[in-house]
Amino acid sequence: MVHKGSSILFFSLLISSFLAPIHGKKRTEALGLLYKSKLTKKSAVDTSGFEVIRHDRVEVLPQDGMKERDRIEKLPGQPNVEFSHYGGYVTVNESTGKAFYYYFVEAQKSHHLPLLLWLNGGPGCSSLAYGAMQELGPFRVHSDGKTLYKNRFSWNHGAIKSQIVSIWGFALTLIEIGNALINDNTDRVGRYDYLASHAIISDKTLYQIKKYCNVGINATPRWSSDECMAIAKEAREDLENIDIYNIYAPLCHNATLTQKPKKTSMKLPVKTAWHPWLLNGEVGGYTEVYKGDLTFATVRGAGHQVPSYQPARALSLIMHFLAGTPLPNTSRHD
């Protein structure tokens, strides 16, 4: 009798060992189907909360005396310059005390030029640290990390013949956490912590990522190991039908204007055929202009931060954009 009971128990455990991974797979597939069901027009999911809130009310707050209070006499280690720059806060909501920090730089040669607003996107660092100090601001930081030098290709530079580029502002948010991009490993694992805490990936997946993928602050990167790649692939599959930038919103599949099929579907006739644009006798990139002067342009030899990799070409590009003039197909600026 005991032997028979043991056999039944063993048989049940044997079946369970086969069913567990099957059910696990089914749960993953079911979750995927649920996400996909949200994409259909007949979905029962209430998406009203995802609609963009439009504010028509405009409030103008007093600015008396703020300009002079925000004037920066001199940044630490700054060389002498002939233009003024300012830093301060722009009130967004007076009752809640919300405000944006801005950095504003005047043009070097003329004050009758367009206002240019620059806002950095990801990976989360401020527009001041990246935009101002590494890309298009009037200063760059010396290797000593303490002193500044003039950026010859600053976007407020007036030495270029066209004198188009003028002034801009920077928005700085999330200052409380400092620089959000401080270490690749911790930044990477932080994403999985977030996904697990919101039940998008399982606790088991998170555990295995931390086990097989080296995530220490000073650790040697080990994200390329076979075990790590396998579990990271599993996590990506869980994210297949999720908008990682807003996990509560529907997926947005709208194509961008950089994609050829999208431009083709707009049925815009080509005004100026694809051709290289030049700067100082060299190819600065390639461009094509459509009806209405919609212009597609590339910058040759540039990386993610275009003004850092190709400062002269980036400056030429923005100058012609602000002036409303075609990119040059000769070695001249105009």
Protein backbone atom coordinates (compact mmCIF):
# COMPACT_ATOMS: atom_id res chain seq x y z
CA MET A 1 0.00 0.00 0.00
CA VAL A 2 2.83 2.33 0.92
CA HIS A 3 4.64 1.32 -2.25
CA LYS A 4 1.55 2.10 -4.34
CA GLY A 5 1.14 5.51 -2.69
CA SER A 6 4.80 6.30 -3.29
CA SER A 7 4.45 5.34 -6.95
CA ILE A 8 1.44 7.63 -7.39
CA LEU A 9 3.28 10.49 -5.69
CA PHE A 10 6.37 9.95 -7.84
CA PHE A 11 4.24 9.83 -10.99
CA SER A 12 2.49 13.09 -10.00
CA LEU A 13 5.80 14.82 -9.36
CA LEU A 14 7.12 13.55 -12.70
CA ILE A 15 4.13 15.02 -14.55
CA SER A 16 4.49 18.29 -12.64
CA SER A 17 8.13 18.57 -13.64
CA PHE A 18 7.07 18.46 -17.31
CA LEU A 19 4.06 20.73 -16.89
CA ALA A 20 5.88 23.49 -14.99
CA PRO A 21 7.94 24.75 -17.95
CA ILE A 22 4.92 24.29 -20.24
CA HIS A 23 2.71 26.38 -18.00
CA GLY A 24 5.51 28.89 -17.65
CA LYS A 25 5.68 29.18 -21.42
CA LYS A 26 1.90 29.44 -21.64
CA ARG A 27 1.86 32.24 -19.10
CA THR A 28 4.44 34.16 -21.13
CA GLU A 29 2.46 33.59 -24.32
CA ALA A 30 -0.77 34.62 -22.61
CA LEU A 31 0.83 37.84 -21.42
CA GLY A 32 2.04 38.52 -24.95
CA LEU A 33 -1.45 37.93 -26.33
CA LEU A 34 -2.89 40.30 -23.73
CA TYR A 35 -0.48 43.04 -24.77
CA LYS A 36 -1.22 42.46 -28.45
CA SER A 37 -4.96 42.62 -27.80
CA LYS A 38 -4.52 46.19 -26.61
CA LEU A 39 -3.29 47.16 -30.07
CA THR A 40 -6.51 46.26 -31.85
CA LYS A 41 -9.11 48.93 -32.58
CA LYS A 42 -11.81 46.80 -30.91
CA SER A 43 -9.79 46.36 -27.73
CA ALA A 44 -11.81 46.49 -24.50
CA VAL A 45 -8.91 48.19 -22.74
CA ASP A 46 -9.76 51.75 -21.70
CA THR A 47 -7.15 54.00 -23.32
CA SER A 48 -8.79 57.32 -22.46
CA GLY A 49 -6.16 57.92 -19.80
CA PHE A 50 -3.45 57.89 -22.47
CA GLU A 51 -4.83 60.88 -24.37
CA VAL A 52 -2.65 63.99 -24.45
CA ILE A 53 -3.79 66.66 -22.03
CA ARG A 54 -3.92 70.02 -23.76
CA HIS A 55 -3.58 73.20 -21.75
CA ASP A 56 -4.94 76.32 -23.40
CA ARG A 57 -4.38 78.63 -20.44
CA VAL A 58 -1.34 80.89 -20.74
CA GLU A 59 0.05 82.59 -17.66
CA VAL A 60 2.62 85.39 -17.84
CA LEU A 61 4.54 85.85 -14.60
CA PRO A 62 6.41 89.05 -13.65
CA GLN A 63 10.06 89.14 -14.75
CA ASP A 64 11.14 92.46 -13.23
CA GLY A 65 14.78 92.46 -12.17
CA MET A 66 15.30 88.79 -12.98
CA LYS A 67 17.66 89.36 -15.91
CA GLU A 68 20.30 91.17 -13.89
CA ARG A 69 19.99 88.74 -10.99
CA ASP A 70 20.59 85.82 -13.38
CA ARG A 71 23.62 87.35 -15.10
CA ILE A 72 26.72 85.17 -14.70
CA GLU A 73 29.79 87.29 -14.01
CA LYS A 74 32.20 84.44 -14.68
CA LEU A 75 32.11 80.66 -14.53
CA PRO A 76 34.91 78.89 -12.60
CA GLY A 77 38.00 78.75 -14.80
CA GLN A 78 36.31 80.70 -17.59
CA PRO A 79 38.35 82.75 -20.11
CA ASN A 80 37.35 86.34 -20.84
CA VAL A 81 34.54 86.75 -23.39
CA GLU A 82 32.71 89.69 -24.98
CA PHE A 83 29.17 88.36 -24.63
CA SER A 84 26.88 87.94 -21.64
CA HIS A 85 25.41 84.71 -20.36
CA TYR A 86 22.77 83.98 -17.75
CA GLY A 87 21.59 81.13 -15.56
CA GLY A 88 18.49 80.86 -13.40
CA TYR A 89 15.03 79.44 -13.01
CA VAL A 90 11.92 79.80 -15.15
CA THR A 91 8.78 79.35 -13.06
CA VAL A 92 6.46 76.69 -14.44
CA ASN A 93 3.92 76.60 -11.63
CA GLU A 94 4.07 79.32 -9.01
CA SER A 95 1.67 77.65 -6.58
CA THR A 96 3.63 74.38 -6.46
CA GLY A 97 7.06 75.98 -6.76
CA LYS A 98 7.97 74.07 -9.93
CA ALA A 99 10.61 75.60 -12.17
CA PHE A 100 13.07 74.77 -14.95
CA TYR A 101 16.71 75.75 -14.76
CA TYR A 102 17.98 77.53 -17.86
CA TYR A 103 21.34 78.60 -19.27
CA PHE A 104 21.12 81.46 -21.75
CA VAL A 105 23.97 82.78 -23.93
CA GLU A 106 23.88 85.89 -26.09
CA ALA A 107 25.20 86.00 -29.64
CA GLN A 108 28.79 87.13 -29.98
CA LYS A 109 28.29 89.61 -32.81
CA SER A 110 24.63 90.51 -33.24
CA HIS A 111 21.54 90.70 -31.05
CA HIS A 112 19.07 90.63 -33.96
CA LEU A 113 19.16 86.90 -34.57
CA PRO A 114 16.72 84.04 -33.94
CA LEU A 115 16.30 82.46 -30.52
CA LEU A 116 17.33 78.81 -30.50
CA LEU A 117 16.10 76.47 -27.75
CA TRP A 118 18.22 73.35 -27.22
CA LEU A 119 16.89 70.41 -25.20
CA ASN A 120 18.95 67.23 -24.87
CA GLY A 121 17.18 63.90 -25.01
CA GLY A 122 18.41 60.66 -23.42
CA PRO A 123 20.20 59.05 -21.75
CA GLY A 124 19.09 61.32 -18.95
CA CYS A 125 21.98 63.71 -18.53
CA SER A 126 21.22 67.42 -18.41
CA SER A 127 21.34 69.75 -21.38
CA LEU A 128 23.88 71.77 -19.44
CA ALA A 129 26.38 68.94 -19.04
CA TYR A 130 26.07 67.51 -22.55
CA GLY A 131 24.66 70.27 -24.73
CA ALA A 132 26.45 73.26 -23.25
CA MET A 133 29.77 71.75 -22.24
CA GLN A 134 30.30 68.98 -24.79
CA GLU A 135 28.38 69.97 -27.89
CA LEU A 136 27.40 73.51 -28.86
CA GLY A 137 28.03 75.80 -25.90
CA PRO A 138 30.59 78.65 -25.84
CA PHE A 139 33.01 76.69 -23.63
CA ARG A 140 34.58 73.27 -23.39
CA VAL A 141 36.16 71.76 -20.27
CA HIS A 142 39.93 71.24 -20.13
CA SER A 143 41.27 67.80 -19.22
CA ASP A 144 42.02 69.07 -15.71
CA GLY A 145 38.27 69.24 -15.10
CA LYS A 146 38.65 72.68 -13.52
CA THR A 147 39.15 75.22 -16.30
CA LEU A 148 37.32 76.13 -19.51
CA TYR A 149 38.42 77.11 -23.00
CA LYS A 150 36.53 78.76 -25.85
CA ASN A 151 34.66 76.56 -28.29
CA ARG A 152 35.55 77.79 -31.78
CA PHE A 153 32.36 76.28 -33.16
CA SER A 154 29.95 77.46 -30.50
CA TRP A 155 26.47 78.00 -31.89
CA ASN A 156 26.48 81.59 -30.66
CA HIS A 157 29.66 82.26 -32.66
CA GLY A 158 29.50 85.27 -34.97
CA ALA A 159 32.79 84.80 -36.81
CA ILE A 160 31.15 82.77 -39.56
CA LYS A 161 30.11 84.91 -42.49
CA SER A 162 26.38 84.24 -42.30
CA GLN A 163 26.18 85.14 -38.57
CA ILE A 164 22.99 83.15 -38.19
CA VAL A 165 23.38 81.38 -34.90
CA SER A 166 22.42 83.35 -31.86
CA ILE A 167 21.19 82.33 -28.45
CA TRP A 168 19.57 79.36 -26.81
CA GLY A 169 18.21 78.06 -23.55
CA PHE A 170 18.73 74.77 -21.75
CA ALA A 171 16.28 72.88 -19.58
CA LEU A 172 17.72 71.03 -16.62
CA THR A 173 15.58 68.51 -14.75
CA LEU A 174 16.04 65.70 -12.26
CA ILE A 175 18.87 67.59 -10.59
CA GLU A 176 18.21 65.75 -7.33
CA ILE A 177 19.71 62.50 -8.63
CA GLY A 178 22.76 64.11 -10.20
CA ASN A 179 23.96 62.62 -13.48
CA ALA A 180 21.62 59.77 -14.32
CA LEU A 181 24.23 58.15 -16.57
CA ILE A 182 27.17 57.45 -14.27
CA ASN A 183 28.02 53.82 -14.92
CA ASP A 184 26.94 51.50 -17.71
CA ASN A 185 26.57 48.43 -15.51
CA THR A 186 24.49 50.06 -12.77
CA ASP A 187 22.46 51.97 -15.34
CA ARG A 188 21.74 48.75 -17.18
CA VAL A 189 20.72 46.66 -14.17
CA GLY A 190 18.59 49.53 -12.89
CA ARG A 191 16.34 49.08 -15.89
CA TYR A 192 15.74 45.43 -14.98
CA ASP A 193 15.07 46.35 -11.35
CA TYR A 194 12.37 48.70 -12.61
CA LEU A 195 10.85 46.12 -14.94
CA ALA A 196 10.73 43.47 -12.21
CA SER A 197 9.21 45.89 -9.70
CA HIS A 198 6.41 46.54 -12.22
CA ALA A 199 5.84 42.82 -12.93
CA ILE A 200 6.96 43.04 -16.55
CA ILE A 201 9.77 40.53 -16.07
CA SER A 202 9.78 37.83 -13.41
CA ASP A 203 11.78 37.88 -10.18
CA LYS A 204 13.56 34.79 -11.49
CA THR A 205 14.67 36.66 -14.61
CA LEU A 206 15.97 39.54 -12.49
CA TYR A 207 17.82 37.11 -10.21
CA GLN A 208 19.48 35.40 -13.17
CA ILE A 209 20.48 38.73 -14.72
CA LYS A 210 22.20 39.72 -11.49
CA LYS A 211 23.76 36.26 -11.24
CA TYR A 212 25.09 35.87 -14.77
CA CYS A 213 25.65 39.50 -15.79
CA ASN A 214 28.38 41.37 -13.94
CA VAL A 215 26.62 44.44 -12.52
CA GLY A 216 29.04 45.83 -9.93
CA ILE A 217 29.95 49.53 -10.08
CA ASN A 218 33.62 48.84 -10.86
CA ALA A 219 33.07 45.44 -12.44
CA THR A 220 34.59 44.36 -15.71
CA PRO A 221 31.73 44.23 -18.24
CA ARG A 222 30.50 40.67 -18.62
CA TRP A 223 27.28 41.26 -20.51
CA SER A 224 28.55 39.22 -23.44
CA SER A 225 28.69 35.84 -21.64
CA ASP A 226 26.44 33.10 -23.05
CA GLU A 227 24.38 32.84 -19.85
CA CYS A 228 23.91 36.60 -19.66
CA MET A 229 22.98 36.91 -23.33
CA ALA A 230 20.40 34.12 -22.98
CA ILE A 231 18.60 35.63 -19.99
CA ALA A 232 18.80 39.14 -21.48
CA LYS A 233 17.14 37.75 -24.63
CA GLU A 234 14.37 36.30 -22.48
CA ALA A 235 13.82 39.69 -20.86
CA ARG A 236 13.66 41.37 -24.29
CA GLU A 237 10.96 38.90 -25.36
CA ASP A 238 8.90 39.89 -22.30
CA LEU A 239 9.22 43.50 -23.48
CA GLU A 240 8.23 42.74 -27.06
CA ASN A 241 4.82 44.39 -26.84
CA ILE A 242 5.64 47.05 -24.25
CA ASP A 243 6.54 50.70 -24.80
CA ILE A 244 9.61 50.92 -22.55
CA TYR A 245 9.30 54.71 -22.38
CA ASN A 246 5.75 54.51 -21.01
CA ILE A 247 4.78 51.03 -19.85
CA TYR A 248 1.17 52.11 -19.27
CA ALA A 249 0.55 53.55 -22.75
CA PRO A 250 -0.20 51.73 -26.01
CA LEU A 251 2.61 51.05 -28.42
CA CYS A 252 3.23 53.78 -30.96
CA HIS A 253 4.30 52.49 -34.36
CA ASN A 254 4.33 55.82 -36.17
CA ALA A 255 7.25 55.99 -38.54
CA THR A 256 9.60 58.93 -38.56
CA LEU A 257 10.41 61.16 -41.49
CA THR A 258 13.89 59.61 -41.65
CA GLN A 259 12.42 56.41 -43.05
CA LYS A 260 12.15 56.13 -46.83
CA PRO A 261 8.72 54.40 -46.84
CA LYS A 262 7.26 57.23 -44.75
CA LYS A 263 8.60 59.90 -47.10
CA THR A 264 7.33 57.91 -50.07
CA SER A 265 3.84 57.65 -48.56
CA MET A 266 3.72 61.45 -48.21
CA LYS A 267 3.96 61.64 -52.01
CA LEU A 268 6.04 64.80 -51.89
CA PRO A 269 7.86 65.51 -55.14
CA VAL A 270 11.60 65.92 -54.89
CA LYS A 271 12.65 69.54 -55.31
CA THR A 272 16.42 68.98 -55.14
CA ALA A 273 17.76 65.50 -55.81
CA TRP A 274 20.05 63.65 -53.42
CA HIS A 275 23.51 65.23 -53.47
CA PRO A 276 26.50 65.88 -51.24
CA TRP A 277 26.67 69.19 -49.39
CA LEU A 278 30.11 70.67 -48.89
CA LEU A 279 32.08 72.58 -46.29
CA ASN A 280 35.60 73.90 -46.96
CA GLY A 281 35.89 71.76 -50.07
CA GLU A 282 34.96 68.52 -48.28
CA VAL A 283 31.76 66.52 -48.20
CA GLY A 284 29.91 67.55 -45.05
CA GLY A 285 27.11 65.05 -45.62
CA TYR A 286 24.27 64.31 -48.02
CA THR A 287 20.91 65.96 -48.48
CA GLU A 288 17.65 65.81 -50.41
CA VAL A 289 14.97 68.52 -50.50
CA TYR A 290 11.25 67.89 -51.02
CA LYS A 291 8.39 70.18 -51.97
CA GLY A 292 7.78 72.73 -49.25
CA ASP A 293 11.51 72.71 -48.47
CA LEU A 294 11.27 69.65 -46.23
CA THR A 295 14.96 68.76 -46.07
CA PHE A 296 16.59 65.47 -45.18
CA ALA A 297 20.28 65.85 -44.33
CA THR A 298 23.09 63.76 -42.89
CA VAL A 299 26.39 64.80 -41.29
CA ARG A 300 29.35 62.75 -42.48
CA GLY A 301 31.57 61.24 -39.82
CA ALA A 302 29.32 62.18 -36.91
CA GLY A 303 28.40 60.07 -33.91
CA HIS A 304 25.48 60.34 -31.51
CA GLN A 305 26.49 63.83 -30.33
CA VAL A 306 26.88 65.46 -33.74
CA PRO A 307 28.37 68.83 -32.59
CA SER A 308 30.99 66.95 -30.54
CA TYR A 309 32.12 64.68 -33.37
CA GLN A 310 31.80 67.18 -36.23
CA PRO A 311 31.55 70.70 -34.74
CA ALA A 312 32.23 72.64 -37.96
CA ARG A 313 29.75 70.63 -40.03
CA ALA A 314 27.10 70.80 -37.33
CA LEU A 315 27.50 74.59 -37.13
CA SER A 316 27.19 74.94 -40.91
CA LEU A 317 24.07 72.77 -40.90
CA ILE A 318 22.27 74.76 -38.19
CA MET A 319 23.29 78.10 -39.74
CA HIS A 320 21.68 77.20 -43.05
CA PHE A 321 18.64 75.80 -41.28
CA LEU A 322 18.05 79.02 -39.34
CA ALA A 323 18.71 81.16 -42.41
CA GLY A 324 16.35 79.10 -44.55
CA THR A 325 19.04 78.66 -47.19
CA PRO A 326 19.95 75.42 -49.00
CA LEU A 327 22.98 73.49 -47.83
CA PRO A 328 25.91 74.47 -50.07
CA ASN A 329 26.84 72.23 -52.95
CA THR A 330 30.09 74.17 -53.40
CA SER A 331 32.95 74.72 -50.96
CA ARG A 332 31.56 78.15 -50.03
CA HIS A 333 29.29 78.81 -47.03
CA ASP A 334 26.67 80.66 -49.07
